[in-house]
Amino acid sequence: MTAARPLDVAIAEALRLGAEDVEVSQASTTTEFVRFAHSRFTQVGESRHDLVRVRVLSGGRLGVALCASLQPEELRTAAAQALAIAERVPPLEVAIRFASEGGPADPEPPPPIEGPDLGPEELRRAFDRSAGVAFFGALKRKRRHMAVRTAGGLARAHADQVLQVDFIAQVADGSGWAGWYGPTGRPVDLGGLAQRAADTARRARDPLALEPGKRDVVLAPAAVAELLEWMALASFGARSVLDGTSLLAGREGELLTSPRVTLSEAVGAGDVPFDSEGAARQPVDFFRAGRAGRAVTDLVSAARLGGGRATSGHAAPLTPQMDATDPVPSHLALQPGDRSEEELVGMVEHGVYVTRLHYVNGLLDTRRATMTGMTRDGTFVIEGGRPGRAVRNLRFTDSILDALGDARLGGIGREAACLPTWWSSAGQVETPAVLVKGFHFTGTSR
């Protein structure tokens, strides 16, 4: 089947049953993967999932149905279900129409980008370079195809291929992490990544107990990305602005962070250029030189915000678990500063270096972006501008909005890393390391 024909089946069926307008979106992903634990392969294989969403408008109501197949009968069933749902839900409070223009869809998905042939043999060589280290993690190559068609004539399709690598190294009671994410056309040094994780794990052995309190901290890119992800989910979508829970709500133009902070939704050359509604993705500033900007929108939220605002092209992505259901950024980017990560560490007399975070809860106070969570896989004391001994993992509770304020933001690194988001197979966060003064650690692990 071509990219366009299966979706046309659902459109034709919905129109036949009386729908006034129809939109059909597809997200298909084929994943080749190698999973490993204790430096041994536990699973090698390939998986594929197809997800199709059918949306119909009927009598001012919006009906939505999903199916996990491109088979004609399944698509017809989804179209009928969407129309049945539209007949039973309350009317929308605003008038919308699905997109009705756009370039022709490719008759076939474009060929994937050819990249390095990374697999089990390359992983074995990476493991062999670090004797005495147990590696856990996965290597995944994802081939993605996205398409949107509407009854009004819109037809868009996009295909790409990305690679994700995660190494967690363990040596006695020390653990370390290193990872990589990006298009498969870029070179990836698996051995170098494994070595970095192993070196961190060796340094992390026999950690000290550090008393809770406020300490200057250098957050590595993976740690910063976790905080920005939660900020994005809680505040950068239009639904949270409409609810009044977003830190942006009612504050557009106000100086909320240091003028050194510019945090935006970027649209890169290799990014998916449209959202699950077929709308072209637009760049959006959440903070521009510290001043509050706008949230991202989809068709319904843009109409509810009023003022003639059009969708910014950030409808929730199609994923099997539907992790995000409201508008959400797709490529969150923190503008780099002018310091290397080593220079940021050198600016700290007494503090802590954090490799990454987990168990983060970013919903404590969304207006101040107050969050709590734990450090993991490499937390170290900084003394006299130099990294020192490992410390036991620490719990933090702090306002990230305050942490990015001029009084507490000590510096922003210049080398950005890219990390995948958990709410979208095509989402990413691009960020450098950050130095924060007086980061509030509230507890320690035993």
Protein backbone atom coordinates (compact mmCIF):
# COMPACT_ATOMS: atom_id res chain seq x y z
CA MET A 1 0.00 0.00 0.00
CA THR A 2 1.10 3.58 -0.56
CA ALA A 3 1.18 6.14 2.24
CA ALA A 4 -1.98 7.86 1.02
CA ARG A 5 -4.43 5.09 0.07
CA PRO A 6 -5.18 3.50 3.47
CA LEU A 7 -6.08 6.86 5.01
CA ASP A 8 -8.43 7.64 2.11
CA VAL A 9 -10.44 4.55 3.05
CA ALA A 10 -11.30 6.06 6.45
CA ILE A 11 -12.13 9.45 4.92
CA ALA A 12 -14.47 7.91 2.36
CA GLU A 13 -16.24 5.81 4.98
CA ALA A 14 -16.76 8.72 7.38
CA LEU A 15 -18.16 10.90 4.59
CA ARG A 16 -20.44 8.07 3.47
CA LEU A 17 -21.83 7.82 6.99
CA GLY A 18 -22.60 11.56 7.10
CA ALA A 19 -19.54 13.28 8.61
CA GLU A 20 -19.22 16.95 7.69
CA ASP A 21 -15.42 16.97 7.82
CA VAL A 22 -12.78 14.27 8.33
CA GLU A 23 -9.12 14.14 9.34
CA VAL A 24 -7.02 10.97 9.44
CA SER A 25 -3.53 10.82 10.96
CA GLN A 26 -1.01 7.97 10.90
CA ALA A 27 2.12 7.27 12.95
CA SER A 28 4.03 4.09 12.09
CA THR A 29 7.30 3.09 13.75
CA THR A 30 9.60 0.15 13.10
CA THR A 31 12.19 -0.34 15.83
CA GLU A 32 15.28 -2.53 15.60
CA PHE A 33 16.65 -3.01 19.10
CA VAL A 34 19.32 -4.65 21.21
CA ARG A 35 18.74 -4.74 24.97
CA PHE A 36 21.47 -5.80 27.40
CA ALA A 37 22.04 -6.41 31.11
CA HIS A 38 25.24 -7.42 32.95
CA SER A 39 27.00 -6.88 29.57
CA ARG A 40 24.98 -9.70 28.00
CA PHE A 41 22.30 -9.41 25.36
CA THR A 42 18.86 -10.10 26.75
CA GLN A 43 16.80 -9.30 23.67
CA VAL A 44 17.53 -8.65 20.01
CA GLY A 45 14.67 -8.05 17.64
CA GLU A 46 12.40 -5.80 15.65
CA SER A 47 8.97 -4.43 16.43
CA ARG A 48 6.46 -2.42 14.42
CA HIS A 49 3.38 -0.53 15.42
CA ASP A 50 0.87 1.37 13.33
CA LEU A 51 -1.45 3.89 14.89
CA VAL A 52 -4.23 5.68 13.01
CA ARG A 53 -6.50 8.36 14.44
CA VAL A 54 -9.77 9.28 12.76
CA ARG A 55 -11.46 12.55 13.73
CA VAL A 56 -14.81 13.72 12.40
CA LEU A 57 -16.90 16.87 12.77
CA SER A 58 -20.65 16.48 12.86
CA GLY A 59 -23.20 19.01 14.13
CA GLY A 60 -20.55 21.04 15.94
CA ARG A 61 -19.28 17.95 17.73
CA LEU A 62 -15.87 16.30 17.52
CA GLY A 63 -15.57 12.51 17.47
CA VAL A 64 -12.27 10.65 17.76
CA ALA A 65 -11.39 6.97 17.34
CA LEU A 66 -8.09 5.08 17.13
CA CYS A 67 -7.01 1.83 15.55
CA ALA A 68 -3.69 0.00 15.36
CA SER A 69 -3.96 -1.16 11.77
CA LEU A 70 -3.84 0.04 8.17
CA GLN A 71 -6.23 -2.67 7.01
CA PRO A 72 -9.29 -1.24 5.20
CA GLU A 73 -11.86 -2.96 7.41
CA GLU A 74 -10.22 -1.69 10.60
CA LEU A 75 -10.08 1.83 9.18
CA ARG A 76 -13.77 1.72 8.22
CA THR A 77 -14.62 0.55 11.74
CA ALA A 78 -12.63 3.41 13.26
CA ALA A 79 -14.42 5.90 11.01
CA ALA A 80 -17.80 4.56 12.14
CA GLN A 81 -16.76 4.68 15.78
CA ALA A 82 -15.59 8.29 15.46
CA LEU A 83 -18.94 9.31 14.01
CA ALA A 84 -20.85 7.41 16.72
CA ILE A 85 -18.82 9.20 19.38
CA ALA A 86 -19.48 12.58 17.76
CA GLU A 87 -23.20 11.96 18.10
CA ARG A 88 -22.89 11.47 21.87
CA VAL A 89 -20.38 14.07 23.09
CA PRO A 90 -21.24 17.69 24.01
CA PRO A 91 -20.83 20.27 21.24
CA LEU A 92 -17.53 22.11 20.99
CA GLU A 93 -17.71 25.63 22.39
CA VAL A 94 -15.80 26.92 19.37
CA ALA A 95 -16.01 26.42 15.62
CA ILE A 96 -13.11 24.65 13.90
CA ARG A 97 -12.39 23.15 10.52
CA PHE A 98 -9.76 20.59 9.70
CA ALA A 99 -6.86 21.68 7.51
CA SER A 100 -7.73 21.89 3.82
CA GLU A 101 -4.48 22.60 2.04
CA GLY A 102 -0.94 21.34 1.90
CA GLY A 103 1.59 19.77 -0.39
CA PRO A 104 0.89 16.36 -1.91
CA ALA A 105 1.82 13.35 0.16
CA ASP A 106 4.71 11.27 -1.07
CA PRO A 107 3.30 8.18 -2.82
CA GLU A 108 5.77 6.11 -0.83
CA PRO A 109 7.67 6.98 2.38
CA PRO A 110 11.06 8.51 1.47
CA PRO A 111 13.97 6.07 1.87
CA PRO A 112 15.43 6.15 5.40
CA ILE A 113 18.70 7.96 6.02
CA GLU A 114 21.55 5.49 5.87
CA GLY A 115 23.68 5.52 8.99
CA PRO A 116 26.43 3.46 10.63
CA ASP A 117 25.65 -0.24 10.88
CA LEU A 118 25.65 -0.40 14.67
CA GLY A 119 24.58 -3.60 16.36
CA PRO A 120 25.58 -6.45 18.68
CA GLU A 121 29.16 -6.74 17.43
CA GLU A 122 29.86 -3.06 18.03
CA LEU A 123 28.31 -3.35 21.48
CA ARG A 124 30.47 -6.38 22.33
CA ARG A 125 33.59 -4.44 21.40
CA ALA A 126 32.40 -1.54 23.58
CA PHE A 127 31.85 -3.93 26.52
CA ASP A 128 35.26 -5.55 26.05
CA ARG A 129 37.03 -2.20 26.40
CA SER A 130 35.82 -1.88 30.00
CA ALA A 131 36.72 -5.03 31.90
CA GLY A 132 35.04 -5.43 35.27
CA VAL A 133 32.11 -3.18 34.35
CA ALA A 134 28.52 -4.43 34.03
CA PHE A 135 26.57 -2.61 31.33
CA PHE A 136 22.79 -2.24 31.18
CA GLY A 137 20.74 -0.44 28.55
CA ALA A 138 19.67 -0.56 24.94
CA LEU A 139 20.45 0.46 21.38
CA LYS A 140 17.43 1.31 19.23
CA ARG A 141 17.13 2.33 15.60
CA LYS A 142 13.68 3.70 14.78
CA ARG A 143 12.25 4.16 11.29
CA ARG A 144 9.27 6.49 11.52
CA HIS A 145 6.57 7.39 9.04
CA MET A 146 3.93 10.05 9.72
CA ALA A 147 1.07 11.11 7.45
CA VAL A 148 -2.08 13.25 7.64
CA ARG A 149 -4.93 13.50 5.15
CA THR A 150 -8.22 15.40 5.35
CA ALA A 151 -11.47 15.50 3.43
CA GLY A 152 -10.54 19.06 2.46
CA GLY A 153 -7.57 17.93 0.41
CA LEU A 154 -4.63 18.20 2.79
CA ALA A 155 -2.04 15.46 2.21
CA ARG A 156 1.25 15.40 4.08
CA ALA A 157 3.79 12.68 4.81
CA HIS A 158 7.21 12.47 6.40
CA ALA A 159 9.71 9.70 7.06
CA ASP A 160 12.93 9.65 9.02
CA GLN A 161 15.24 7.42 11.02
CA VAL A 162 16.81 8.01 14.44
CA LEU A 163 19.18 6.19 16.76
CA GLN A 164 18.99 6.08 20.56
CA VAL A 165 21.72 4.63 22.77
CA ASP A 166 21.69 4.32 26.56
CA PHE A 167 24.54 2.86 28.64
CA ILE A 168 24.22 2.44 32.41
CA ALA A 169 27.48 1.13 33.81
CA GLN A 170 27.78 -0.47 37.24
CA VAL A 171 30.96 -1.08 39.24
CA ALA A 172 30.34 -2.31 42.80
CA ASP A 173 28.05 0.35 44.33
CA GLY A 174 28.83 2.97 41.67
CA SER A 175 26.77 3.66 38.57
CA GLY A 176 27.26 5.94 35.58
CA TRP A 177 25.24 6.88 32.50
CA ALA A 178 26.03 8.01 28.98
CA GLY A 179 23.71 8.24 26.01
CA TRP A 180 23.16 9.56 22.51
CA TYR A 181 20.12 10.47 20.43
CA GLY A 182 19.82 11.83 16.90
CA PRO A 183 19.50 11.08 13.18
CA THR A 184 21.19 7.90 12.07
CA GLY A 185 23.29 9.75 9.52
CA ARG A 186 25.56 11.15 12.23
CA PRO A 187 28.63 9.28 13.53
CA VAL A 188 28.24 7.60 16.93
CA ASP A 189 31.16 6.36 19.04
CA LEU A 190 29.66 3.45 21.00
CA GLY A 191 33.01 2.64 22.57
CA GLY A 192 33.46 6.22 23.74
CA LEU A 193 29.96 6.33 25.24
CA ALA A 194 30.51 3.05 27.10
CA GLN A 195 33.87 4.27 28.35
CA ARG A 196 32.36 7.49 29.65
CA ALA A 197 29.64 5.59 31.52
CA ALA A 198 32.25 3.19 32.92
CA ASP A 199 34.56 5.99 34.07
CA THR A 200 31.64 7.67 35.86
CA ALA A 201 30.68 4.40 37.54
CA ARG A 202 34.22 3.83 38.80
CA ARG A 203 34.37 7.34 40.25
CA ALA A 204 30.93 6.85 41.83
CA ARG A 205 32.02 3.96 44.09
CA ASP A 206 31.88 4.25 47.88
CA PRO A 207 29.81 7.47 47.95
CA LEU A 208 29.82 9.89 50.85
CA ALA A 209 26.70 10.88 52.76
CA LEU A 210 26.02 14.58 52.17
CA GLU A 211 23.76 16.55 54.47
CA PRO A 212 20.70 18.12 52.82
CA GLY A 213 20.74 21.86 52.26
CA LYS A 214 21.16 24.55 49.62
CA ARG A 215 24.20 24.02 47.44
CA ASP A 216 25.54 25.35 44.17
CA VAL A 217 25.03 22.69 41.53
CA VAL A 218 26.13 21.99 37.97
CA LEU A 219 23.35 20.11 36.20
CA ALA A 220 24.56 18.10 33.20
CA PRO A 221 22.40 18.25 30.03
CA ALA A 222 20.47 15.08 30.87
CA ALA A 223 19.46 16.53 34.26
CA VAL A 224 18.44 19.87 32.73
CA ALA A 225 16.41 18.09 30.05
CA GLU A 226 14.37 16.25 32.70
CA LEU A 227 13.44 19.54 34.38
CA LEU A 228 12.59 21.25 31.09
CA GLU A 229 10.42 18.30 30.05
CA TRP A 230 8.29 18.70 33.15
CA MET A 231 8.11 22.46 32.70
CA ALA A 232 6.95 21.93 29.13
CA LEU A 233 4.26 19.40 30.06
CA ALA A 234 2.95 21.54 32.91
CA SER A 235 3.10 25.01 31.35
CA PHE A 236 3.98 25.25 27.68
CA GLY A 237 0.75 23.89 26.20
CA ALA A 238 -2.30 26.09 25.65
CA ARG A 239 -4.55 23.87 27.78
CA SER A 240 -2.63 24.84 30.93
CA VAL A 241 -2.83 28.52 29.95
CA LEU A 242 -6.61 28.22 29.55
CA ASP A 243 -6.79 26.49 32.94
CA GLY A 244 -4.63 29.18 34.57
CA THR A 245 -2.11 26.62 35.84
CA SER A 246 0.69 27.50 33.41
CA LEU A 247 3.56 29.68 34.61
CA LEU A 248 2.94 31.66 31.39
CA ALA A 249 -0.76 32.34 32.07
CA GLY A 250 -1.42 36.09 32.30
CA ARG A 251 2.31 36.88 32.25
CA GLU A 252 3.17 37.39 28.58
CA GLY A 253 5.99 39.92 28.30
CA GLU A 254 6.90 39.79 32.01
CA LEU A 255 10.51 39.17 33.02
CA LEU A 256 10.28 35.75 34.69
CA THR A 257 13.84 34.45 34.40
CA SER A 258 17.33 35.77 33.85
CA PRO A 259 17.72 37.68 30.56
CA ARG A 260 20.27 34.98 29.70
CA VAL A 261 17.46 32.44 29.33
CA THR A 262 15.87 31.88 25.94
CA LEU A 263 13.82 28.71 25.81
CA SER A 264 11.94 27.95 22.62
CA GLU A 265 10.16 25.42 20.49
CA ALA A 266 12.53 25.01 17.56
CA VAL A 267 11.82 23.61 14.10
CA GLY A 268 15.05 22.03 12.87
CA ALA A 269 15.92 20.99 9.35
CA GLY A 270 15.36 17.28 10.06
CA ASP A 271 12.33 17.66 12.34
CA VAL A 272 8.84 16.49 11.43
CA PRO A 273 7.48 19.67 9.80
CA PHE A 274 3.82 19.18 10.75
CA ASP A 275 1.76 17.94 13.67
CA SER A 276 -0.87 15.21 13.98
CA GLU A 277 -3.48 17.64 12.58
CA GLY A 278 -1.35 18.32 9.52
CA ALA A 279 -0.63 21.92 10.56
CA ALA A 280 2.85 23.28 9.90
CA ARG A 281 4.90 23.50 13.09
CA GLN A 282 5.86 27.06 14.01
CA PRO A 283 8.73 28.21 16.24
CA VAL A 284 7.46 29.54 19.57
CA ASP A 285 9.32 31.40 22.35
CA PHE A 286 8.43 30.39 25.90
CA PHE A 287 11.11 32.71 27.28
CA ARG A 288 12.90 35.23 25.10
CA ALA A 289 15.72 36.95 26.99
CA GLY A 290 13.90 36.03 30.19
CA ARG A 291 10.49 37.42 29.21
CA ALA A 292 7.45 35.16 29.13
CA GLY A 293 6.14 34.23 25.72
CA ARG A 294 3.27 32.11 24.48
CA ALA A 295 2.21 28.48 24.71
CA VAL A 296 1.93 26.07 21.79
CA THR A 297 -1.56 25.35 20.42
CA ASP A 298 -3.65 22.97 18.36
CA LEU A 299 -6.85 23.74 16.45
CA VAL A 300 -9.23 23.65 19.41
CA SER A 301 -7.04 25.43 21.96
CA ALA A 302 -6.12 28.18 19.47
CA ALA A 303 -9.81 28.81 18.87
CA ARG A 304 -10.51 28.88 22.62
CA LEU A 305 -7.72 31.38 23.21
CA GLY A 306 -9.39 33.66 20.67
CA GLY A 307 -7.94 36.83 19.23
CA GLY A 308 -7.72 35.29 15.79
CA ARG A 309 -4.87 33.06 16.89
CA ALA A 310 -4.09 30.15 14.55
CA THR A 311 -2.72 26.80 15.63
CA SER A 312 1.04 26.76 16.12
CA GLY A 313 1.16 23.17 14.83
CA HIS A 314 1.64 21.33 18.11
CA ALA A 315 -1.29 18.97 18.48
CA ALA A 316 -0.59 16.02 20.77
CA PRO A 317 1.54 13.38 19.04
CA LEU A 318 0.14 9.96 18.22
CA THR A 319 1.66 7.33 20.51
CA PRO A 320 0.31 3.91 21.58
CA GLN A 321 -0.09 5.06 25.20
CA MET A 322 -1.26 8.58 24.24
CA ASP A 323 1.18 9.97 26.82
CA ALA A 324 0.25 13.55 25.90
CA THR A 325 -3.34 14.52 25.05
CA ASP A 326 -2.96 18.31 24.93
CA PRO A 327 -0.74 20.58 22.81
CA VAL A 328 2.91 20.00 23.65
CA PRO A 329 6.33 21.11 22.34
CA SER A 330 8.15 18.77 20.00
CA HIS A 331 11.70 20.22 19.96
CA LEU A 332 12.40 22.12 23.15
CA ALA A 333 15.66 24.08 22.93
CA LEU A 334 17.52 26.06 25.60
CA GLN A 335 19.83 28.59 23.97
CA PRO A 336 23.47 27.81 24.88
CA GLY A 337 25.67 30.19 26.84
CA ASP A 338 29.38 30.94 26.60
CA ARG A 339 30.97 28.52 29.09
CA SER A 340 32.17 24.95 28.75
CA GLU A 341 30.87 22.44 31.28
CA GLU A 342 34.35 22.31 32.80
CA GLU A 343 34.31 26.09 33.21
CA LEU A 344 30.94 25.90 34.97
CA VAL A 345 32.39 23.35 37.41
CA GLY A 346 35.43 25.61 37.88
CA MET A 347 33.14 28.43 39.03
CA VAL A 348 31.88 26.39 42.02
CA GLU A 349 33.85 26.53 45.27
CA HIS A 350 31.65 24.11 47.22
CA GLY A 351 28.85 22.30 45.42
CA VAL A 352 27.52 19.24 43.62
CA TYR A 353 27.68 17.87 40.08
CA VAL A 354 24.56 15.99 38.89
CA THR A 355 24.65 13.66 35.87
CA ARG A 356 20.92 13.07 35.59
CA LEU A 357 17.63 12.81 37.52
CA HIS A 358 14.70 10.44 37.96
CA TYR A 359 11.43 10.11 39.90
CA VAL A 360 10.79 13.77 39.11
CA ASN A 361 7.38 15.24 39.92
CA GLY A 362 6.93 18.58 38.20
CA LEU A 363 3.36 19.25 39.34
CA LEU A 364 3.93 20.48 42.91
CA ASP A 365 3.40 24.15 42.01
CA THR A 366 3.24 24.66 38.27
CA ARG A 367 3.05 28.47 38.49
CA ARG A 368 6.56 28.45 40.02
CA ALA A 369 7.69 25.23 38.31
CA THR A 370 8.34 23.70 41.73
CA MET A 371 9.55 20.12 41.36
CA THR A 372 10.99 17.29 43.39
CA GLY A 373 13.11 14.33 42.33
CA MET A 374 16.25 12.28 42.86
CA THR A 375 19.75 12.32 41.40
CA ARG A 376 21.16 9.15 39.80
CA ASP A 377 24.07 7.58 37.92
CA GLY A 378 26.83 9.94 38.96
CA THR A 379 26.51 12.60 41.69
CA PHE A 380 29.75 14.16 42.89
CA VAL A 381 31.02 16.82 45.27
CA ILE A 382 32.67 19.87 43.72
CA GLU A 383 35.46 21.38 45.81
CA GLY A 384 37.56 24.33 44.76
CA GLY A 385 36.27 24.18 41.21
CA ARG A 386 37.17 20.50 40.75
CA PRO A 387 34.95 17.38 40.82
CA GLY A 388 35.63 15.23 43.86
CA ARG A 389 34.23 12.14 45.53
CA ALA A 390 30.89 10.64 44.79
CA VAL A 391 27.97 11.34 47.13
CA ARG A 392 24.87 9.30 47.80
CA ASN A 393 21.90 10.21 45.68
CA LEU A 394 20.06 13.29 46.87
CA ARG A 395 16.45 14.41 46.76
CA PHE A 396 15.76 17.97 45.64
CA THR A 397 12.70 20.19 45.96
CA ASP A 398 13.00 23.59 44.32
CA SER A 399 11.36 26.15 42.06
CA ILE A 400 13.01 25.81 38.67
CA LEU A 401 11.59 29.20 37.68
CA ASP A 402 13.48 30.73 40.62
CA ALA A 403 16.56 28.66 39.80
CA LEU A 404 16.66 30.22 36.32
CA GLY A 405 16.31 33.73 37.76
CA ASP A 406 19.16 36.21 37.52
CA ALA A 407 20.05 35.89 41.22
CA ARG A 408 20.57 32.12 41.06
CA LEU A 409 21.55 31.30 37.48
CA GLY A 410 25.32 31.03 37.61
CA GLY A 411 25.91 30.19 33.97
CA ILE A 412 24.79 28.24 30.90
CA GLY A 413 27.07 25.88 29.02
CA ARG A 414 27.85 26.25 25.34
CA GLU A 415 27.76 22.57 24.27
CA ALA A 416 24.19 21.34 23.86
CA ALA A 417 23.15 17.68 23.93
CA CYS A 418 19.97 16.23 22.45
CA LEU A 419 17.77 13.86 24.47
CA PRO A 420 14.47 12.17 23.53
CA THR A 421 11.22 13.01 25.27
CA TRP A 422 9.13 10.22 26.73
CA TRP A 423 5.83 11.63 25.48
CA SER A 424 6.58 11.39 21.74
CA SER A 425 8.59 9.13 19.45
CA ALA A 426 9.62 12.28 17.56
CA GLY A 427 10.10 14.65 20.52
CA GLN A 428 13.45 15.95 21.77
CA VAL A 429 15.02 18.35 24.23
CA GLU A 430 18.19 20.17 23.23
CA THR A 431 20.06 21.71 26.15
CA PRO A 432 23.52 22.47 27.56
CA ALA A 433 24.61 22.12 31.19
CA VAL A 434 23.51 24.77 33.69
CA LEU A 435 25.01 26.15 36.90
CA VAL A 436 22.44 27.00 39.58
CA LYS A 437 23.23 28.65 42.91
CA GLY A 438 21.56 27.47 46.10
CA PHE A 439 19.83 24.40 44.65
CA HIS A 440 17.72 22.98 47.48
CA PHE A 441 18.51 19.37 48.40
CA THR A 442 15.96 18.13 50.92
CA GLY A 443 17.04 14.56 51.61
CA THR A 444 19.52 11.78 50.88
CA SER A 445 19.34 8.08 50.07
CA ARG A 446 20.49 5.55 52.62
